Amino acid sequence: MFRLTLIDTAAVSVTSLITVSKLDAAHRQLRTAIRLWFMDGDPIAIHTLACAAHDIIHTLFKRKGLKGLIFDSEIIKKSERIGPNA
């Protein structure tokens, strides 16, 4: 679970507290990335959000002992994989 505290910087007072699961955070990141894509948003922001969501999903998937995500597929040679999960 993530806990995010939003702070009003002008008054330095806590305005709200949001608690979300890692999977919900990844879902929100992907939805935002997709929305930005169709609104011709910043490609760097879109890529960053999509990669962050993928990293969360990949980690949760592996912790459950599951296999079959596209980047873990035997179709992709290990020498061709990139990133921290390669």
C-alpha atoms as a PDB file:
ATOM      1  CA  MET A   1       0.000   0.000   0.000  1.00  0.00           C
ATOM      2  CA  PHE A   2       1.104   3.505  -0.773  1.00  0.00           C
ATOM      3  CA  ARG A   3       0.179   6.421   1.440  1.00  0.00           C
ATOM      4  CA  LEU A   4       0.261   9.798  -0.197  1.00  0.00           C
ATOM      5  CA  THR A   5      -0.207  12.963   1.803  1.00  0.00           C
ATOM      6  CA  LEU A   6      -1.103  16.052  -0.162  1.00  0.00           C
ATOM      7  CA  ILE A   7       0.154  19.260   1.386  1.00  0.00           C
ATOM      8  CA  ASP A   8      -0.993  22.796   0.723  1.00  0.00           C
ATOM      9  CA  THR A   9       2.400  24.486   0.310  1.00  0.00           C
ATOM     10  CA  ALA A  10       1.060  27.982   0.911  1.00  0.00           C
ATOM     11  CA  ALA A  11      -0.295  27.173   4.357  1.00  0.00           C
ATOM     12  CA  VAL A  12       1.824  24.020   4.978  1.00  0.00           C
ATOM     13  CA  SER A  13      -1.219  22.105   6.179  1.00  0.00           C
ATOM     14  CA  VAL A  14      -2.220  18.555   5.324  1.00  0.00           C
ATOM     15  CA  THR A  15      -5.240  18.667   3.025  1.00  0.00           C
ATOM     16  CA  SER A  16      -5.972  14.973   2.414  1.00  0.00           C
ATOM     17  CA  LEU A  17      -4.636  11.438   2.674  1.00  0.00           C
ATOM     18  CA  ILE A  18      -4.903   8.893  -0.136  1.00  0.00           C
ATOM     19  CA  THR A  19      -4.205   5.190   0.374  1.00  0.00           C
ATOM     20  CA  VAL A  20      -3.969   3.004  -2.745  1.00  0.00           C
ATOM     21  CA  SER A  21      -2.653  -0.462  -3.501  1.00  0.00           C
ATOM     22  CA  LYS A  22       0.313  -0.926  -5.808  1.00  0.00           C
ATOM     23  CA  LEU A  23      -1.967  -2.453  -8.433  1.00  0.00           C
ATOM     24  CA  ASP A  24      -4.353   0.510  -8.199  1.00  0.00           C
ATOM     25  CA  ALA A  25      -1.402   2.901  -8.561  1.00  0.00           C
ATOM     26  CA  ALA A  26      -0.288   1.057 -11.720  1.00  0.00           C
ATOM     27  CA  HIS A  27      -3.849   1.155 -13.062  1.00  0.00           C
ATOM     28  CA  ARG A  28      -4.045   4.923 -12.487  1.00  0.00           C
ATOM     29  CA  GLN A  29      -0.674   5.452 -14.157  1.00  0.00           C
ATOM     30  CA  LEU A  30      -1.734   3.495 -17.244  1.00  0.00           C
ATOM     31  CA  ARG A  31      -5.089   5.269 -17.499  1.00  0.00           C
ATOM     32  CA  THR A  32      -3.340   8.630 -17.283  1.00  0.00           C
ATOM     33  CA  ALA A  33      -0.729   7.612 -19.862  1.00  0.00           C
ATOM     34  CA  ILE A  34      -3.456   6.480 -22.267  1.00  0.00           C
ATOM     35  CA  ARG A  35      -5.446   9.667 -21.719  1.00  0.00           C
ATOM     36  CA  LEU A  36      -2.338  11.776 -22.371  1.00  0.00           C
ATOM     37  CA  TRP A  37      -1.570   9.776 -25.520  1.00  0.00           C
ATOM     38  CA  PHE A  38      -4.960  10.513 -27.042  1.00  0.00           C
ATOM     39  CA  MET A  39      -4.709  14.178 -26.012  1.00  0.00           C
ATOM     40  CA  ASP A  40      -1.307  14.493 -27.753  1.00  0.00           C
ATOM     41  CA  GLY A  41       0.385  14.886 -24.383  1.00  0.00           C
ATOM     42  CA  ASP A  42       4.071  15.004 -23.582  1.00  0.00           C
ATOM     43  CA  PRO A  43       5.634  11.766 -24.912  1.00  0.00           C
ATOM     44  CA  ILE A  44       8.213  11.696 -22.122  1.00  0.00           C
ATOM     45  CA  ALA A  45       5.503  11.855 -19.449  1.00  0.00           C
ATOM     46  CA  ILE A  46       3.505   9.160 -21.259  1.00  0.00           C
ATOM     47  CA  HIS A  47       6.541   6.880 -21.483  1.00  0.00           C
ATOM     48  CA  THR A  48       7.470   7.477 -17.829  1.00  0.00           C
ATOM     49  CA  LEU A  49       3.966   6.663 -16.592  1.00  0.00           C
ATOM     50  CA  ALA A  50       3.676   3.555 -18.761  1.00  0.00           C
ATOM     51  CA  CYS A  51       7.098   2.249 -17.683  1.00  0.00           C
ATOM     52  CA  ALA A  52       6.379   2.883 -13.999  1.00  0.00           C
ATOM     53  CA  ALA A  53       3.088   0.994 -14.294  1.00  0.00           C
ATOM     54  CA  HIS A  54       4.792  -1.862 -16.132  1.00  0.00           C
ATOM     55  CA  ASP A  55       7.473  -2.116 -13.443  1.00  0.00           C
ATOM     56  CA  ILE A  56       4.838  -2.407 -10.690  1.00  0.00           C
ATOM     57  CA  ILE A  57       2.811  -5.001 -12.617  1.00  0.00           C
ATOM     58  CA  HIS A  58       5.940  -6.969 -13.543  1.00  0.00           C
ATOM     59  CA  THR A  59       7.129  -7.054  -9.925  1.00  0.00           C
ATOM     60  CA  LEU A  60       3.723  -8.145  -8.584  1.00  0.00           C
ATOM     61  CA  PHE A  61       3.451 -10.774 -11.324  1.00  0.00           C
ATOM     62  CA  LYS A  62       6.864 -12.264 -10.498  1.00  0.00           C
ATOM     63  CA  ARG A  63       6.195 -12.234  -6.722  1.00  0.00           C
ATOM     64  CA  LYS A  64       3.198 -14.491  -7.350  1.00  0.00           C
ATOM     65  CA  GLY A  65       5.499 -16.884  -9.209  1.00  0.00           C
ATOM     66  CA  LEU A  66       3.713 -16.310 -12.501  1.00  0.00           C
ATOM     67  CA  LYS A  67       5.268 -16.326 -15.942  1.00  0.00           C
ATOM     68  CA  GLY A  68       4.062 -15.151 -19.315  1.00  0.00           C
ATOM     69  CA  LEU A  69       4.382 -11.401 -19.443  1.00  0.00           C
ATOM     70  CA  ILE A  70       5.588 -10.357 -22.885  1.00  0.00           C
ATOM     71  CA  PHE A  71       9.010  -9.224 -21.651  1.00  0.00           C
ATOM     72  CA  ASP A  72       9.566 -12.534 -19.850  1.00  0.00           C
ATOM     73  CA  SER A  73       8.596 -14.549 -22.881  1.00  0.00           C
ATOM     74  CA  GLU A  74      11.039 -17.054 -24.296  1.00  0.00           C
ATOM     75  CA  ILE A  75      10.337 -15.444 -27.682  1.00  0.00           C
ATOM     76  CA  ILE A  76      12.528 -12.480 -26.674  1.00  0.00           C
ATOM     77  CA  LYS A  77      16.169 -13.489 -26.362  1.00  0.00           C
ATOM     78  CA  LYS A  78      17.867 -12.553 -23.086  1.00  0.00           C
ATOM     79  CA  SER A  79      20.491 -10.613 -25.046  1.00  0.00           C
ATOM     80  CA  GLU A  80      17.702  -8.435 -26.510  1.00  0.00           C
ATOM     81  CA  ARG A  81      16.070  -7.594 -23.176  1.00  0.00           C
ATOM     82  CA  ILE A  82      16.695  -4.229 -21.572  1.00  0.00           C
ATOM     83  CA  GLY A  83      15.848  -2.605 -18.268  1.00  0.00           C
ATOM     84  CA  PRO A  84      16.162  -3.563 -14.610  1.00  0.00           C
ATOM     85  CA  ASN A  85      14.038  -6.697 -15.039  1.00  0.00           C
ATOM     86  CA  ALA A  86      16.081  -8.100 -17.949  1.00  0.00           C
END
